[in-house]
Protein backbone atom coordinates (compact mmCIF):
# COMPACT_ATOMS: atom_id res chain seq x y z
CA UNK A 1 12.51 -18.65 18.05
CA UNK A 2 9.66 -18.26 16.69
CA UNK A 3 9.05 -22.28 17.98
CA UNK A 4 9.79 -21.65 21.41
CA UNK A 5 7.54 -18.34 21.02
CA UNK A 6 4.44 -20.76 20.44
CA UNK A 7 5.47 -22.98 23.45
CA UNK A 8 5.00 -20.20 25.57
CA UNK A 9 2.16 -19.00 24.17
CA UNK A 10 1.14 -22.95 25.36
CA UNK A 11 1.96 -22.48 28.57
CA UNK A 12 0.30 -18.65 28.64
CA UNK A 13 -2.94 -21.02 27.59
CA UNK A 14 -2.91 -22.45 30.96
CA UNK A 15 -2.83 -19.38 32.88
CA UNK A 16 -5.68 -17.14 32.96
CA UNK A 17 -4.83 -14.08 30.38
CA UNK A 18 -5.28 -11.26 32.99
CA UNK A 19 -2.68 -13.45 34.98
CA UNK A 20 -0.58 -13.05 32.49
CA UNK A 21 -1.33 -10.08 31.35
CA UNK A 22 -0.39 -8.38 34.99
CA UNK A 23 2.91 -10.75 35.22
CA UNK A 24 4.78 -9.49 32.25
CA UNK A 25 8.01 -10.37 32.58
CA UNK A 26 7.35 -14.34 33.97
CA UNK A 27 8.54 -16.10 30.98
CA UNK A 28 11.56 -14.79 29.35
CA UNK A 29 13.65 -16.47 26.49
CA UNK A 30 17.09 -15.05 26.87
CA UNK A 31 17.17 -11.20 27.21
CA UNK A 32 13.81 -11.00 25.29
CA UNK A 33 10.02 -10.84 27.48
CA UNK A 34 7.42 -12.27 25.36
CA UNK A 35 3.76 -11.98 26.87
CA UNK A 36 0.09 -13.77 25.37
CA UNK A 37 -1.99 -10.80 23.95
CA UNK A 38 -4.85 -11.86 22.37
CA UNK A 39 -6.62 -15.73 22.07
CA UNK A 40 -8.46 -16.98 19.24
CA UNK A 41 -10.29 -19.98 18.77
CA UNK A 42 -7.10 -22.23 19.94
CA UNK A 43 -4.11 -19.49 18.65
CA UNK A 44 -2.66 -17.18 20.91
CA UNK A 45 -1.22 -14.30 18.71
CA UNK A 46 2.36 -12.99 21.58
CA UNK A 47 3.39 -8.93 21.69
CA UNK A 48 6.53 -10.86 19.45
CA UNK A 49 3.78 -11.47 16.71
CA UNK A 50 3.18 -7.78 16.83
CA UNK A 51 6.25 -5.96 16.67
CA UNK A 52 7.39 -8.37 14.47
CA UNK A 53 4.11 -7.73 11.76
CA UNK A 54 5.00 -3.70 13.04
CA UNK A 55 9.27 -3.70 12.12
CA UNK A 56 7.70 -5.90 8.77
CA UNK A 57 5.24 -3.02 7.87
CA UNK A 58 7.85 -0.40 8.56
CA UNK A 59 10.40 -2.13 6.56
CA UNK A 60 8.33 -2.00 3.95
CA UNK A 61 7.06 1.15 3.94
CA UNK A 62 2.64 0.39 4.90
CA UNK A 63 1.02 3.24 6.46
CA UNK A 64 -1.08 1.47 9.40
CA UNK A 65 -4.71 3.40 9.47
CA UNK A 66 -5.67 4.38 12.61
CA UNK A 67 -3.86 3.79 16.38
CA UNK A 68 -1.47 0.55 15.15
CA UNK A 69 -1.19 -0.46 18.22
CA UNK A 70 -5.01 -1.42 17.74
CA UNK A 71 -4.64 -2.11 14.31
CA UNK A 72 -1.47 -4.87 14.50
CA UNK A 73 -2.68 -6.74 16.46
CA UNK A 74 -6.38 -6.43 15.55
CA UNK A 75 -5.56 -7.94 11.79
CA UNK A 76 -3.88 -10.50 13.34
CA UNK A 77 -6.80 -12.03 15.06
CA UNK A 78 -8.92 -11.59 11.73
CA UNK A 79 -5.50 -13.45 9.43
CA UNK A 80 -6.50 -16.44 12.26
CA UNK A 81 -10.24 -16.44 12.09
CA UNK A 82 -9.69 -17.18 8.03
CA UNK A 83 -6.96 -19.65 8.61
CA UNK A 84 -9.13 -21.39 10.95
CA UNK A 85 -12.23 -21.45 8.51
CA UNK A 86 -9.56 -22.58 5.73
CA UNK A 87 -8.41 -25.79 8.26
CA UNK A 88 -12.19 -26.72 8.68
CA UNK A 89 -12.91 -26.47 4.91
CA UNK A 90 -9.27 -28.59 4.42
CA UNK A 91 -7.68 -25.86 2.09
CA UNK A 92 -4.36 -26.57 1.14
CA UNK A 93 -1.42 -25.10 -0.52
CA UNK A 94 1.82 -26.53 -1.95
CA UNK A 95 4.82 -26.25 -0.76
CA UNK A 96 6.52 -25.60 -4.04
CA UNK A 97 3.93 -22.23 -4.24
CA UNK A 98 5.09 -21.39 -0.31
CA UNK A 99 8.86 -22.27 -1.14
CA UNK A 100 8.83 -19.81 -4.30
CA UNK A 101 6.97 -17.46 -2.47
CA UNK A 102 9.75 -17.51 0.00
CA UNK A 103 12.74 -17.07 -2.13
CA UNK A 104 10.78 -13.86 -3.71
CA UNK A 105 10.36 -11.77 -0.10
CA UNK A 106 13.70 -12.97 0.41
CA UNK A 107 14.78 -11.33 -2.68
CA UNK A 108 12.83 -8.20 -1.93
CA UNK A 109 14.48 -7.92 0.97
CA UNK A 110 17.58 -8.16 0.04
CA UNK A 111 17.25 -5.11 -2.21
CA UNK A 112 15.56 -3.41 0.56
CA UNK A 113 19.14 -3.37 1.77
CA UNK A 114 20.86 -3.34 -0.92
CA UNK A 115 21.57 -6.77 -1.23
CA UNK A 116 23.38 -7.35 1.85
CA UNK A 117 22.52 -10.81 3.57
CA UNK A 118 24.16 -9.12 6.52
CA UNK A 119 22.59 -5.92 6.97
CA UNK A 120 19.38 -8.32 6.35
CA UNK A 121 20.06 -11.33 9.46
CA UNK A 122 21.29 -7.95 11.12
CA UNK A 123 17.84 -6.10 11.24
CA UNK A 124 15.88 -9.28 11.61
CA UNK A 125 18.06 -10.32 14.78
CA UNK A 126 18.09 -13.23 12.97
CA UNK A 127 20.01 -15.97 10.27
CA UNK A 128 19.47 -15.94 6.71
CA UNK A 129 18.42 -19.43 7.59
CA UNK A 130 15.87 -18.28 10.82
CA UNK A 131 14.41 -15.76 8.32
CA UNK A 132 13.36 -18.30 6.12
CA UNK A 133 11.99 -21.33 8.57
CA UNK A 134 10.09 -18.03 9.87
CA UNK A 135 8.57 -17.18 6.86
CA UNK A 136 7.55 -20.29 5.29
CA UNK A 137 5.39 -21.11 8.78
CA UNK A 138 3.89 -17.33 7.71
CA UNK A 139 3.62 -17.38 4.30
CA UNK A 140 1.91 -21.05 4.46
CA UNK A 141 -0.38 -19.72 6.96
CA UNK A 142 -1.34 -16.51 4.58
CA UNK A 143 -1.65 -18.22 1.64
CA UNK A 144 -4.16 -20.02 2.92
CA UNK A 145 -6.37 -17.25 4.74
CA UNK A 146 -5.64 -15.98 0.42
CA UNK A 147 -7.00 -18.99 -1.12
CA UNK A 148 -10.21 -19.55 1.76
CA UNK A 149 -10.90 -15.24 1.70
CA UNK A 150 -11.24 -16.27 -2.54
CA UNK A 151 -13.44 -18.89 -1.52
CA UNK A 152 -16.29 -16.80 0.79
CA UNK A 153 -16.44 -14.49 -2.56
CA UNK A 154 -16.26 -16.59 -5.26
CA UNK A 155 -20.34 -16.92 -6.20
CA UNK A 156 -20.23 -12.99 -6.24
CA UNK A 157 -20.90 -11.74 -9.37
CA UNK A 158 -21.53 -8.07 -11.54
CA UNK A 159 -23.92 -6.96 -13.61
CA UNK A 160 -23.52 -3.98 -15.85
CA UNK A 161 -27.07 -2.37 -14.75
CA UNK A 162 -25.68 -3.27 -11.48
CA UNK A 163 -22.61 -0.50 -12.34
CA UNK A 164 -24.51 1.71 -14.13
CA UNK A 165 -27.19 1.95 -10.32
CA UNK A 166 -24.18 2.03 -8.15
CA UNK A 167 -22.51 5.62 -10.08
CA UNK A 168 -25.82 6.89 -11.11
CA UNK A 169 -25.85 9.37 -8.04
CA UNK A 170 -22.51 9.21 -7.08
CA UNK A 171 -20.71 12.93 -6.31
CA UNK A 172 -18.54 13.62 -8.56
CA UNK A 173 -15.68 13.89 -6.32
CA UNK A 174 -16.14 10.05 -5.50
CA UNK A 175 -15.97 8.50 -9.26
CA UNK A 176 -13.05 7.12 -9.35
CA UNK A 177 -9.85 8.48 -11.31
CA UNK A 178 -7.98 6.35 -13.79
CA UNK A 179 -4.65 6.69 -14.09
CA UNK A 180 -2.47 7.15 -17.62
CA UNK A 181 -2.26 4.10 -18.79
CA UNK A 182 -0.63 3.09 -22.43
CA UNK A 183 -1.08 0.32 -24.73
CA UNK A 184 2.27 -1.10 -25.90
CA UNK A 185 3.91 -3.64 -28.87
CA UNK A 186 6.97 -4.71 -28.95
CA UNK A 187 8.65 -6.74 -31.31
CA UNK A 188 12.07 -8.95 -29.81
CA UNK A 189 14.55 -10.85 -30.89
CA UNK A 190 16.71 -12.52 -28.27
CA UNK A 191 20.83 -12.65 -29.37
CA UNK A 192 22.26 -15.79 -30.86
CA UNK A 193 24.26 -17.82 -27.82
CA UNK A 194 28.30 -18.51 -29.36
CA UNK A 195 27.95 -22.72 -29.75
CA UNK A 196 31.81 -22.05 -28.33
CA UNK A 197 29.42 -20.74 -25.25
CA UNK A 198 26.78 -23.66 -25.62
CA UNK A 199 29.80 -26.09 -25.79
CA UNK A 200 30.98 -24.20 -22.21
CA UNK A 201 27.05 -24.32 -20.29
CA UNK A 202 26.98 -28.27 -21.35
CA UNK A 203 30.33 -29.26 -20.17
CA UNK A 204 30.06 -27.49 -17.35
CA UNK A 205 27.08 -29.47 -16.61
CA UNK A 206 28.28 -32.96 -17.77
CA UNK A 207 31.07 -32.24 -15.11
CA UNK A 208 28.33 -31.96 -12.28
CA UNK A 209 27.37 -34.96 -13.35
CA UNK A 210 30.44 -37.57 -13.24
CA UNK A 211 30.72 -35.69 -10.21
CA UNK A 212 27.40 -36.96 -9.06
CA UNK A 213 28.08 -40.67 -9.76
CA UNK A 214 30.99 -40.83 -8.84
CA UNK A 215 30.07 -40.09 -5.18
CA UNK A 216 32.98 -36.79 -4.95
CA UNK A 217 29.86 -34.67 -3.94
CA UNK A 218 26.29 -34.23 -3.35
CA UNK A 219 23.53 -32.93 -6.31
CA UNK A 220 22.35 -30.94 -3.77
CA UNK A 221 25.67 -29.43 -2.40
CA UNK A 222 26.86 -28.47 -6.73
CA UNK A 223 23.27 -26.79 -6.78
CA UNK A 224 24.08 -24.65 -3.66
CA UNK A 225 27.35 -24.08 -5.38
CA UNK A 226 26.02 -23.23 -9.04
CA UNK A 227 23.17 -23.73 -9.88
CA UNK A 228 21.60 -20.03 -11.69
CA UNK A 229 18.26 -20.79 -10.79
CA UNK A 230 18.38 -18.49 -7.40
CA UNK A 231 14.58 -19.57 -5.90
CA UNK A 232 15.37 -23.55 -5.77
CA UNK A 233 19.46 -23.37 -5.34
CA UNK A 234 19.21 -22.04 -1.64
CA UNK A 235 17.55 -25.79 -1.82
CA UNK A 236 19.65 -27.57 -3.29
CA UNK A 237 17.73 -27.00 -6.40
CA UNK A 238 14.90 -28.73 -5.05
CA UNK A 239 11.41 -27.40 -6.46
CA UNK A 240 8.62 -29.56 -4.57
CA UNK A 241 6.07 -31.39 -6.29
CA UNK A 242 5.01 -29.78 -9.07
CA UNK A 243 2.24 -30.72 -11.82
CA UNK A 244 3.00 -31.00 -15.25
CA UNK A 245 1.34 -27.60 -16.15
CA UNK A 246 3.25 -25.74 -13.97
CA UNK A 247 7.11 -26.66 -15.92
CA UNK A 248 8.64 -26.02 -18.57
CA UNK A 249 7.31 -29.13 -22.18
CA UNK A 250 10.87 -29.62 -22.93
CA UNK A 251 11.44 -29.66 -18.93
CA UNK A 252 8.06 -31.43 -18.21
CA UNK A 253 9.23 -34.40 -20.15
CA UNK A 254 12.60 -35.29 -18.81
CA UNK A 255 11.34 -34.78 -15.09
CA UNK A 256 8.37 -37.05 -15.24
CA UNK A 257 10.28 -39.84 -17.05
CA UNK A 258 12.72 -39.99 -14.73
CA UNK A 259 12.91 -43.48 -12.70
CA UNK A 260 15.65 -43.73 -11.02
CA UNK A 261 16.29 -40.82 -7.89
CA UNK A 262 20.54 -42.34 -7.65
CA UNK A 263 20.08 -40.63 -11.71
CA UNK A 264 20.87 -37.49 -13.05
CA UNK A 265 19.36 -36.79 -16.32
CA UNK A 266 20.70 -35.75 -19.65
CA UNK A 267 21.15 -31.91 -20.27
CA UNK A 268 17.67 -30.91 -20.96
CA UNK A 269 17.17 -27.17 -22.82
CA UNK A 270 14.71 -25.04 -21.38
CA UNK A 271 13.69 -21.31 -22.52
CA UNK A 272 15.14 -20.75 -19.21
CA UNK A 273 18.72 -22.69 -19.95
CA UNK A 274 20.30 -25.98 -19.45
CA UNK A 275 19.79 -28.02 -17.07
CA UNK A 276 20.27 -31.57 -14.99
CA UNK A 277 17.84 -33.06 -13.26
CA UNK A 278 17.79 -35.35 -10.19
CA UNK A 279 14.34 -37.19 -8.99
CA UNK A 280 13.33 -36.88 -5.21
CA UNK A 281 9.94 -38.60 -5.25
CA UNK A 282 6.79 -39.13 -7.36
CA UNK A 283 3.59 -38.69 -5.68
CA UNK A 284 0.61 -39.63 -8.07
CA UNK A 285 0.37 -36.27 -11.27
CA UNK A 286 3.11 -34.99 -9.21
CA UNK A 287 7.44 -34.46 -9.15
CA UNK A 288 9.76 -33.67 -7.12
CA UNK A 289 12.82 -33.64 -8.17
CA UNK A 290 16.10 -31.20 -7.99
CA UNK A 291 17.51 -29.71 -11.03
CA UNK A 292 20.78 -27.37 -11.57
CA UNK A 293 20.10 -24.21 -14.04
CA UNK A 294 23.35 -22.66 -16.12
CA UNK A 295 22.12 -19.76 -18.48
CA UNK A 296 24.75 -19.55 -21.35
CA UNK A 297 26.25 -15.80 -21.73
CA UNK A 298 25.23 -13.43 -24.61
CA UNK A 299 28.26 -12.25 -25.92
CA UNK A 300 28.15 -7.66 -26.36
CA UNK A 301 28.74 -8.51 -30.03
CA UNK A 302 25.91 -10.78 -31.00
CA UNK A 303 23.52 -8.23 -28.12
CA UNK A 304 25.30 -5.32 -31.00
CA UNK A 305 24.76 -7.66 -34.26
CA UNK A 306 20.50 -8.19 -32.98
CA UNK A 307 20.08 -4.18 -32.15
CA UNK A 308 21.33 -3.10 -35.29
CA UNK A 309 19.27 -5.36 -37.42
CA UNK A 310 16.05 -4.21 -34.89
CA UNK A 311 16.54 -0.89 -35.77
CA UNK A 312 17.01 -1.84 -39.19
CA UNK A 313 13.67 -3.32 -39.55
CA UNK A 314 12.55 0.13 -36.65
CA UNK A 315 13.35 1.94 -40.09
CA UNK A 316 11.67 0.10 -42.34
CA UNK A 317 8.53 0.44 -40.80
CA UNK A 318 8.41 4.69 -39.96
CA UNK A 319 9.73 4.32 -44.01
CA UNK A 320 6.21 2.51 -44.99
CA UNK A 321 7.55 -0.49 -46.24
CA UNK A 322 5.25 -2.61 -43.89
CA UNK A 323 3.84 -2.49 -40.90
CA UNK A 324 4.73 -3.01 -37.28
CA UNK A 325 1.86 -5.58 -37.10
CA UNK A 326 2.43 -7.41 -40.34
CA UNK A 327 5.96 -7.29 -38.37
CA UNK A 328 5.46 -9.09 -35.81
CA UNK A 329 4.57 -12.10 -35.80
CA UNK A 330 6.40 -13.18 -38.43
CA UNK A 331 10.27 -10.89 -37.26
CA UNK A 332 8.93 -11.39 -33.38
CA UNK A 333 10.81 -14.23 -31.01
CA UNK A 334 8.01 -13.34 -28.04
CA UNK A 335 5.54 -16.57 -27.67
CA UNK A 336 3.97 -14.31 -25.42
CA UNK A 337 2.89 -10.86 -27.97
CA UNK A 338 3.88 -12.34 -31.62
CA UNK A 339 0.51 -14.24 -31.97
CA UNK A 340 -1.57 -10.21 -31.40
CA UNK A 341 0.52 -7.97 -33.60
CA UNK A 342 2.96 -7.52 -31.01
CA UNK A 343 0.27 -6.17 -28.14
CA UNK A 344 1.78 -6.70 -24.81
CA UNK A 345 -0.54 -7.63 -21.90
CA UNK A 346 -1.25 -9.06 -18.54
CA UNK A 347 -3.01 -10.52 -15.87
CA UNK A 348 -5.23 -8.43 -13.70
CA UNK A 349 -4.95 -10.47 -10.52
CA UNK A 350 -7.63 -8.92 -8.83
CA UNK A 351 -10.21 -9.74 -10.95
CA UNK A 352 -8.88 -12.30 -13.53
CA UNK A 353 -9.72 -10.95 -16.41
CA UNK A 354 -6.20 -10.08 -19.17
CA UNK A 355 -6.17 -5.88 -20.44
CA UNK A 356 -3.30 -4.59 -22.77
CA UNK A 357 -3.49 -1.60 -20.39
CA UNK A 358 -0.89 -0.80 -18.15
CA UNK A 359 0.12 1.97 -15.40
CA UNK A 360 3.52 2.87 -16.43
CA UNK A 361 4.65 1.63 -13.00
CA UNK A 362 3.50 -1.94 -13.99
CA UNK A 363 5.32 -2.35 -17.46
CA UNK A 364 8.11 -3.71 -17.47
CA UNK A 365 11.00 -0.83 -16.38
CA UNK A 366 13.19 -0.94 -19.33
CA UNK A 367 10.12 -0.58 -21.33
CA UNK A 368 8.62 1.50 -19.50
CA UNK A 369 11.76 4.15 -19.57
CA UNK A 370 11.84 3.81 -23.09
CA UNK A 371 7.93 5.04 -23.80
CA UNK A 372 7.45 7.11 -20.58
CA UNK A 373 8.66 10.09 -24.09
CA UNK A 374 7.30 8.56 -27.03
CA UNK A 375 4.59 9.96 -29.56
CA UNK A 376 1.21 7.70 -29.84
CA UNK A 377 2.23 5.86 -33.11
CA UNK A 378 6.19 5.90 -32.61
CA UNK A 379 8.36 3.22 -33.08
CA UNK A 380 11.60 3.36 -30.68
CA UNK A 381 14.87 2.78 -31.16
CA UNK A 382 15.74 -0.54 -30.18
CA UNK A 383 16.69 -1.61 -26.45
CA UNK A 384 17.89 -4.11 -24.70
CA UNK A 385 15.89 -5.70 -21.51
CA UNK A 386 15.24 -9.08 -19.53
CA UNK A 387 11.88 -10.98 -20.25
CA UNK A 388 10.67 -13.23 -17.58
CA UNK A 389 12.60 -16.00 -18.07
CA UNK A 390 16.20 -14.53 -17.27
CA UNK A 391 17.05 -13.79 -20.58
CA UNK A 392 18.42 -10.58 -22.34
CA UNK A 393 16.49 -9.88 -25.39
CA UNK A 394 16.62 -6.72 -27.68
CA UNK A 395 13.53 -5.02 -28.31
CA UNK A 396 11.28 -2.19 -30.80
CA UNK A 397 8.16 -1.20 -29.50
CA UNK A 398 5.80 1.04 -30.49
CA UNK A 399 3.02 3.31 -28.34
CA UNK A 400 -0.25 2.15 -29.75
CA UNK A 401 -2.17 4.50 -27.46
CA UNK A 402 -1.82 6.45 -24.49
CA UNK A 403 -4.85 7.56 -22.32
CA UNK A 404 -4.65 10.27 -20.17
CA UNK A 405 -5.58 9.94 -16.06
CA UNK A 406 -9.26 11.27 -16.34
CA UNK A 407 -12.65 10.53 -13.95
CA UNK A 408 -13.36 7.00 -15.27
CA UNK A 409 -16.60 6.70 -17.04
CA UNK A 410 -19.25 3.74 -17.53
CA UNK A 411 -18.82 3.98 -21.29
CA UNK A 412 -14.93 4.54 -21.50
CA UNK A 413 -14.58 2.68 -18.13
CA UNK A 414 -16.18 0.21 -17.70
CA UNK A 415 -14.51 -2.68 -17.27
CA UNK A 416 -12.17 -0.35 -14.23
CA UNK A 417 -16.09 0.71 -12.48
CA UNK A 418 -17.31 -3.12 -12.96
CA UNK A 419 -14.33 -3.99 -10.31
CA UNK A 420 -14.57 -0.68 -8.10
CA UNK A 421 -18.43 -2.38 -7.41
CA UNK A 422 -17.11 -6.20 -7.70
CA UNK A 423 -14.39 -5.46 -5.61
CA UNK A 424 -16.89 -3.12 -2.78
CA UNK A 425 -19.08 -6.29 -3.02
CA UNK A 426 -16.61 -8.85 -1.67
CA UNK A 427 -15.38 -6.84 0.74
CA UNK A 428 -18.98 -6.18 2.63
CA UNK A 429 -19.44 -9.67 2.06
CA UNK A 430 -15.97 -10.53 3.85
CA UNK A 431 -16.96 -8.07 6.55
CA UNK A 432 -19.90 -9.33 8.10
CA UNK A 433 -18.14 -13.11 7.83
CA UNK A 434 -15.61 -11.85 10.39
CA UNK A 435 -18.34 -10.04 11.91
CA UNK A 436 -20.38 -13.22 12.58
CA UNK A 437 -17.37 -15.35 12.94
CA UNK A 438 -16.19 -13.50 15.87
CA UNK A 439 -19.64 -14.47 17.57
CA UNK A 440 -18.58 -17.93 17.13
CA UNK A 441 -15.41 -18.36 17.71
CA UNK A 442 -13.81 -17.98 21.67
CA UNK A 443 -11.76 -14.72 21.40
CA UNK A 444 -9.97 -12.42 24.65
CA UNK A 445 -7.60 -9.69 25.01
CA UNK A 446 -5.46 -8.66 27.46
CA UNK A 447 -6.84 -5.34 29.14
CA UNK A 448 -3.99 -3.28 27.79
CA UNK A 449 -6.22 -3.85 24.33
CA UNK A 450 -9.66 -3.19 25.63
CA UNK A 451 -10.11 0.53 25.14
CA UNK A 452 -8.86 0.39 21.80
CA UNK A 453 -11.71 1.26 18.74
CA UNK A 454 -11.75 -1.97 16.16
CA UNK A 455 -12.40 -2.25 12.94
CA UNK A 456 -14.54 -4.96 14.36
CA UNK A 457 -16.89 -5.11 17.61
CA UNK A 458 -17.41 -8.22 19.95
CA UNK A 459 -14.17 -9.48 19.76
CA UNK A 460 -13.76 -8.63 24.27
CA UNK A 461 -16.24 -10.96 25.67
């Protein structure tokens, strides 16, 4: 449908925009009427594009500022300005990054409709395959826009003097409020998987390899049926072109040494489970492979044994036999925290810096539920959680610090205030860029939008 709609847009570009607006029912796709409502450079914004964004926003709970009938098409037009510049500057995004975001978005939508593929297809009026194809195009554009925005503000810096100056005379009711934040330490242990279960998973992978070698089934078909990597299984196990640094080291070592696309690799163990891999192509320092992932099942008995062991460790810490900080580097198997004495941290997407302070909603849900009612210094009972690699692990947590919600101060919350100033300057730079860009790009909009109060002036020339 999207492809057809863009073809309709191309036909409208051959006509005066006013004629297209006046004859709104002149072009039909089945029973759907579509029209060009805005032109930005060589790109047309269709009425269906506006309605798609409106529907998607409603599905995700987006609250539009001002009149949505004006706000939505203007937002689309602004994104087209950034996309236009990204194409001029040859900004590139990888197929792997796009594919990953497509699957994340679909997974999110499926959660919104209780995991029902049928309900999602009914809501979107498309098959899942059509949804995925449209998303791939849209998310590629979105990633290009994001990279372009980052490029435009990458040279902006803020000094401590800038921060103090910005907030010096600001009214108290305008000072940012910092929500409650916590610092959490964990000791994590992964339940041991029975050898019998490991053998079962390996035997399954050997069977898949044999079926491919005999020609009984293709690797792609088996990946769709049996791979436990939801992000790639739908694509027949294909990763897309990726660099070595983005892959698990053990997986990368095998993937980059494959030379024959007809052969299937040996079984590879990674942090995620066990894989077999098939080469698609190599291009420079990147490789594209298919894989099938199988994850061994952890027995209830193994989980219970690990929980008992961690409860025993927690008891010894409480009794003063040793400290949490001493135990984490020795007893925890979580490589992300063990060398920081168990302290959890996160990369802040807006600023790029690392922080050990979490808002409750940003913690893993299992951890947040446990520490929500804990006192500072308290150590939890052992509990289970699913880690970032999709494995069941057992954890004890210590609430190291809780900073109650408060008005930000330069001495206590410098990074928070610095982020406010930095984001403000970035917004100003981007706003100025859009204003200037509008002056130098051809734009026309339908008469239906000429009474709108837009954020940016100059659209209607």
